[in-house]
């Protein structure tokens, strides 16, 4: 994980106080001592690409906290894939806690990676997918946020925010990815489908869920995004908490408001 020390100067606020160190790892697969989570949540709110939805300062390592770490690692540190974890004395900690340089130029504007914010092209593509393939817009948006850290982390040159694997002779790129194997996180090398643009990726994602026999059970719940999310656990992703994470994102970022009415089967 994220454990290699990186010497730098710690952040100070307007009173000259230094950002406190953390004693345990926080984030994905971490110890998550509430006091340490509190520190990183505070630093993320200062350093995440703006604008962004504030990370609640609760001391609880919820899915939104992990996604915020991943977005920061992907956008600010160029980490691909991000680990979603911050360890004591690690590059991510020092990057978050580094003192801003005096008269430093403003950070570059980025298109994706704004926590809690859905760009117009992403919303349009997700809505079009529901119109054509009946996959709830809230599910598509949640998977986009979870699989790509708010669009900031995709296999290079893939236009693939959904982690869709390539099969046969399909256009592909190779990239590392996190899988849960026997309950433990592992980073493996895999081939991912390459798309010409984001709209093509969203359409392929919708078609995959709507037409593959693997997702027949899921498509029975187009009227119920939470049941749809639960049905994807262990099918779309190996993480046993996948459905819970999707539901957390859907509910905490208000994605249900984007769903079109869907009749129960």
Protein backbone atom coordinates (compact mmCIF):
# COMPACT_ATOMS: atom_id res chain seq x y z
CA UNK A 1 0.00 0.00 0.00
CA UNK A 2 0.97 3.66 0.48
CA UNK A 3 3.88 3.31 2.91
CA UNK A 4 7.07 4.80 1.43
CA UNK A 5 8.32 7.85 3.35
CA UNK A 6 8.71 11.09 1.45
CA UNK A 7 10.52 14.00 3.14
CA UNK A 8 8.74 17.33 2.94
CA UNK A 9 7.60 20.18 5.15
CA UNK A 10 4.32 19.76 6.96
CA UNK A 11 1.41 22.11 6.47
CA UNK A 12 0.74 25.02 8.78
CA UNK A 13 -2.41 27.03 9.13
CA UNK A 14 -2.68 30.81 9.45
CA UNK A 15 -1.63 30.50 13.12
CA UNK A 16 1.53 28.61 12.22
CA UNK A 17 0.30 25.30 13.63
CA UNK A 18 1.63 22.13 12.01
CA UNK A 19 -0.75 19.50 10.63
CA UNK A 20 -0.80 16.64 13.15
CA UNK A 21 0.78 13.33 12.16
CA UNK A 22 -1.33 10.20 11.97
CA UNK A 23 -0.49 7.13 14.02
CA UNK A 24 -2.28 4.45 11.98
CA UNK A 25 -3.25 3.84 8.38
CA UNK A 26 -6.61 5.13 7.17
CA UNK A 27 -8.80 4.42 4.16
CA UNK A 28 -9.15 1.26 2.13
CA UNK A 29 -8.29 -1.88 4.12
CA UNK A 30 -6.73 0.23 6.89
CA UNK A 31 -6.88 0.43 10.70
CA UNK A 32 -8.92 3.65 10.62
CA UNK A 33 -8.40 5.02 14.09
CA UNK A 34 -11.07 7.76 14.34
CA UNK A 35 -8.54 10.44 15.37
CA UNK A 36 -6.39 9.69 12.32
CA UNK A 37 -9.41 9.58 10.02
CA UNK A 38 -10.40 12.99 11.39
CA UNK A 39 -6.98 14.43 10.45
CA UNK A 40 -7.08 13.13 6.88
CA UNK A 41 -10.68 14.19 6.36
CA UNK A 42 -9.69 17.73 7.37
CA UNK A 43 -6.67 17.73 5.03
CA UNK A 44 -8.72 16.36 2.13
CA UNK A 45 -11.19 19.20 2.44
CA UNK A 46 -8.30 21.64 2.06
CA UNK A 47 -6.52 19.87 -0.78
CA UNK A 48 -9.07 18.11 -3.00
CA UNK A 49 -9.61 19.59 -6.47
CA UNK A 50 -12.17 22.37 -6.19
CA UNK A 51 -15.07 22.56 -6.39
CA UNK A 52 -15.98 19.45 -4.42
CA UNK A 53 -18.60 18.26 -1.98
CA UNK A 54 -17.15 18.64 1.54
CA UNK A 55 -15.88 15.47 3.16
CA UNK A 56 -17.75 15.18 6.48
CA UNK A 57 -15.36 15.50 9.45
CA UNK A 58 -16.72 12.54 11.41
CA UNK A 59 -13.74 10.29 12.13
CA UNK A 60 -15.60 7.51 10.29
CA UNK A 61 -13.97 5.85 7.29
CA UNK A 62 -17.07 5.58 5.12
CA UNK A 63 -17.03 4.85 1.37
CA UNK A 64 -17.04 8.56 0.53
CA UNK A 65 -13.85 9.04 2.53
CA UNK A 66 -12.10 6.25 0.63
CA UNK A 67 -13.27 7.65 -2.71
CA UNK A 68 -11.99 11.09 -1.72
CA UNK A 69 -8.55 9.64 -0.97
CA UNK A 70 -8.57 7.86 -4.33
CA UNK A 71 -9.57 11.02 -6.18
CA UNK A 72 -6.79 12.98 -4.47
CA UNK A 73 -4.20 10.30 -5.25
CA UNK A 74 -5.30 10.10 -8.88
CA UNK A 75 -5.56 13.83 -9.62
CA UNK A 76 -2.86 15.38 -7.45
CA UNK A 77 -0.33 12.55 -7.22
CA UNK A 78 -0.90 10.84 -10.58
CA UNK A 79 -1.32 7.48 -8.86
CA UNK A 80 -2.83 4.86 -11.18
CA UNK A 81 -4.53 2.94 -9.76
CA UNK A 82 -4.91 4.80 -6.46
CA UNK A 83 -4.78 2.71 -3.29
CA UNK A 84 -7.40 4.61 -1.33
CA UNK A 85 -5.18 4.38 1.73
CA UNK A 86 -3.01 6.85 3.66
CA UNK A 87 -0.33 5.40 5.93
CA UNK A 88 1.86 7.25 8.47
CA UNK A 89 4.96 8.71 6.81
CA UNK A 90 3.67 7.83 3.34
CA UNK A 91 3.82 9.90 0.15
CA UNK A 92 0.07 10.52 0.31
CA UNK A 93 0.24 11.80 3.88
CA UNK A 94 3.13 14.13 3.14
CA UNK A 95 1.44 15.35 -0.02
CA UNK A 96 -1.72 16.18 1.92
CA UNK A 97 0.17 17.77 4.80
CA UNK A 98 2.75 19.70 2.77
CA UNK A 99 2.88 23.44 3.43
CA UNK A 100 1.61 25.38 0.40
CA UNK A 101 4.38 27.32 -1.31
CA UNK A 102 4.25 31.09 -1.01
CA UNK A 103 3.04 32.69 -4.27
CA UNK A 104 2.61 29.25 -5.78
CA UNK A 105 0.64 29.18 -9.04
CA UNK A 106 -2.95 27.96 -8.73
CA UNK A 107 -3.42 24.22 -9.27
CA UNK A 108 -4.37 23.22 -12.81
CA UNK A 109 -8.04 22.94 -13.62
CA UNK A 110 -9.11 19.33 -13.99
CA UNK A 111 -12.20 18.00 -15.71
CA UNK A 112 -12.78 14.97 -13.50
CA UNK A 113 -11.99 14.00 -9.93
CA UNK A 114 -14.22 16.59 -8.23
CA UNK A 115 -15.65 14.61 -5.32
CA UNK A 116 -19.44 14.61 -5.26
CA UNK A 117 -19.80 16.44 -8.57
CA UNK A 118 -21.11 14.81 -11.75
CA UNK A 119 -19.91 16.58 -14.93
CA UNK A 120 -22.61 17.33 -17.53
CA UNK A 121 -21.21 14.89 -20.12
CA UNK A 122 -21.22 12.07 -17.56
CA UNK A 123 -24.81 12.78 -16.50
CA UNK A 124 -25.92 12.96 -20.13
CA UNK A 125 -24.26 9.64 -20.94
CA UNK A 126 -25.75 7.94 -17.86
CA UNK A 127 -29.22 9.26 -18.65
CA UNK A 128 -28.94 8.10 -22.26
CA UNK A 129 -27.97 4.65 -21.01
CA UNK A 130 -31.13 4.40 -18.93
CA UNK A 131 -33.25 5.53 -21.87
CA UNK A 132 -31.74 2.89 -24.15
CA UNK A 133 -30.88 0.02 -21.79
CA UNK A 134 -33.10 0.61 -18.71
CA UNK A 135 -30.15 0.59 -16.28
CA UNK A 136 -31.00 3.14 -13.55
CA UNK A 137 -29.06 6.35 -13.96
CA UNK A 138 -28.22 6.25 -10.25
CA UNK A 139 -26.54 2.85 -10.66
CA UNK A 140 -24.51 4.00 -13.64
CA UNK A 141 -23.38 7.17 -11.85
CA UNK A 142 -22.48 5.26 -8.69
CA UNK A 143 -20.44 2.73 -10.64
CA UNK A 144 -18.72 5.56 -12.52
CA UNK A 145 -17.78 7.26 -9.23
CA UNK A 146 -16.66 4.05 -7.50
CA UNK A 147 -14.82 2.43 -10.39
CA UNK A 148 -12.97 5.57 -11.51
CA UNK A 149 -12.71 7.75 -8.38
CA UNK A 150 -15.08 10.36 -9.80
CA UNK A 151 -13.62 9.95 -13.29
CA UNK A 152 -10.03 10.62 -12.23
CA UNK A 153 -8.68 7.07 -12.42
CA UNK A 154 -9.02 5.02 -15.59
CA UNK A 155 -6.65 2.64 -17.36
CA UNK A 156 -4.43 4.94 -19.48
CA UNK A 157 -5.83 5.82 -22.92
CA UNK A 158 -8.92 3.65 -22.34
CA UNK A 159 -11.89 6.05 -21.88
CA UNK A 160 -13.09 3.23 -19.63
CA UNK A 161 -14.36 4.45 -16.24
CA UNK A 162 -16.14 1.20 -15.41
CA UNK A 163 -13.25 -1.24 -15.17
CA UNK A 164 -14.70 -3.29 -18.04
CA UNK A 165 -12.31 -6.08 -18.97
CA UNK A 166 -11.45 -6.81 -22.61
CA UNK A 167 -12.17 -10.21 -24.10
CA UNK A 168 -10.92 -11.84 -27.28
CA UNK A 169 -9.78 -9.37 -29.92
CA UNK A 170 -11.53 -6.32 -28.46
CA UNK A 171 -9.44 -3.12 -28.35
CA UNK A 172 -7.58 -3.21 -25.05
CA UNK A 173 -5.01 -1.61 -22.80
CA UNK A 174 -3.15 -3.20 -19.90
CA UNK A 175 -3.27 -1.69 -16.44
CA UNK A 176 -3.04 -2.60 -12.77
CA UNK A 177 -6.25 -3.02 -10.82
CA UNK A 178 -7.36 -3.86 -7.29
CA UNK A 179 -9.17 -7.15 -6.73
CA UNK A 180 -10.37 -8.77 -3.51
CA UNK A 181 -9.01 -12.32 -3.34
CA UNK A 182 -9.85 -14.46 -0.31
CA UNK A 183 -10.84 -11.32 1.56
CA UNK A 184 -7.55 -9.50 0.91
CA UNK A 185 -6.75 -6.63 -1.48
CA UNK A 186 -4.42 -7.58 -4.32
CA UNK A 187 -3.17 -5.50 -7.23
CA UNK A 188 -3.02 -7.46 -10.48
CA UNK A 189 -2.31 -6.72 -14.14
CA UNK A 190 -5.29 -7.04 -16.47
CA UNK A 191 -6.52 -6.13 -19.95
CA UNK A 192 -9.22 -3.48 -20.07
CA UNK A 193 -11.52 -2.56 -22.92
CA UNK A 194 -10.52 0.59 -24.77
CA UNK A 195 -13.26 2.92 -26.05
CA UNK A 196 -13.05 5.77 -28.52
CA UNK A 197 -14.85 8.13 -26.15
CA UNK A 198 -16.73 8.29 -22.87
CA UNK A 199 -20.19 8.09 -24.47
CA UNK A 200 -19.23 4.79 -26.11
CA UNK A 201 -18.09 3.43 -22.74
CA UNK A 202 -21.37 4.36 -21.05
CA UNK A 203 -23.39 2.81 -23.84
CA UNK A 204 -21.33 -0.39 -23.71
CA UNK A 205 -21.76 -0.52 -19.92
CA UNK A 206 -25.53 -0.26 -20.25
CA UNK A 207 -25.65 -2.88 -23.00
CA UNK A 208 -23.47 -5.22 -20.95
CA UNK A 209 -25.78 -5.08 -17.94
CA UNK A 210 -28.94 -5.26 -20.05
CA UNK A 211 -27.99 -8.15 -22.33
CA UNK A 212 -25.43 -10.35 -20.59
CA UNK A 213 -26.97 -13.44 -18.93
CA UNK A 214 -24.70 -12.74 -15.94
CA UNK A 215 -26.82 -9.69 -15.08
CA UNK A 216 -30.30 -11.11 -15.77
CA UNK A 217 -31.09 -11.05 -12.05
CA UNK A 218 -29.95 -7.43 -11.78
CA UNK A 219 -32.21 -6.27 -14.61
CA UNK A 220 -35.24 -7.47 -12.65
CA UNK A 221 -34.57 -4.54 -10.32
CA UNK A 222 -34.54 -1.61 -12.76
CA UNK A 223 -37.30 -0.10 -10.57
CA UNK A 224 -35.24 -0.55 -7.39
CA UNK A 225 -31.65 0.77 -7.57
CA UNK A 226 -30.74 -0.48 -4.10
CA UNK A 227 -31.72 -4.06 -4.93
CA UNK A 228 -29.94 -3.62 -8.28
CA UNK A 229 -26.78 -2.57 -6.43
CA UNK A 230 -26.94 -5.56 -4.07
CA UNK A 231 -27.30 -7.93 -7.02
CA UNK A 232 -24.00 -6.71 -8.50
CA UNK A 233 -21.99 -7.81 -5.44
CA UNK A 234 -19.66 -10.67 -6.34
CA UNK A 235 -20.86 -10.48 -9.97
CA UNK A 236 -19.64 -7.15 -11.33
CA UNK A 237 -16.91 -6.78 -8.70
CA UNK A 238 -15.12 -9.08 -6.28
CA UNK A 239 -15.46 -6.74 -3.31
CA UNK A 240 -18.01 -8.29 -0.91
CA UNK A 241 -19.06 -4.76 0.10
CA UNK A 242 -19.64 -3.61 -3.48
CA UNK A 243 -23.43 -3.32 -3.21
CA UNK A 244 -23.18 -1.47 0.09
CA UNK A 245 -20.67 0.98 -1.38
CA UNK A 246 -22.86 1.67 -4.41
CA UNK A 247 -25.90 2.25 -2.20
CA UNK A 248 -23.91 4.57 0.07
CA UNK A 249 -22.82 6.65 -2.91
CA UNK A 250 -26.32 6.72 -4.43
CA UNK A 251 -27.95 7.87 -1.21
CA UNK A 252 -25.29 10.25 0.10
CA UNK A 253 -24.85 12.12 -3.18
CA UNK A 254 -28.54 12.17 -4.13
CA UNK A 255 -28.23 10.19 -7.35
CA UNK A 256 -31.80 8.89 -7.15
CA UNK A 257 -33.01 12.29 -8.37
CA UNK A 258 -31.58 11.52 -11.79
CA UNK A 259 -33.49 8.25 -12.28
CA UNK A 260 -36.27 8.07 -14.82
CA UNK A 261 -39.46 6.31 -13.68
CA UNK A 262 -39.23 2.55 -14.18
CA UNK A 263 -42.12 0.13 -13.87
CA UNK A 264 -41.78 -2.88 -11.62
CA UNK A 265 -41.63 -6.17 -13.54
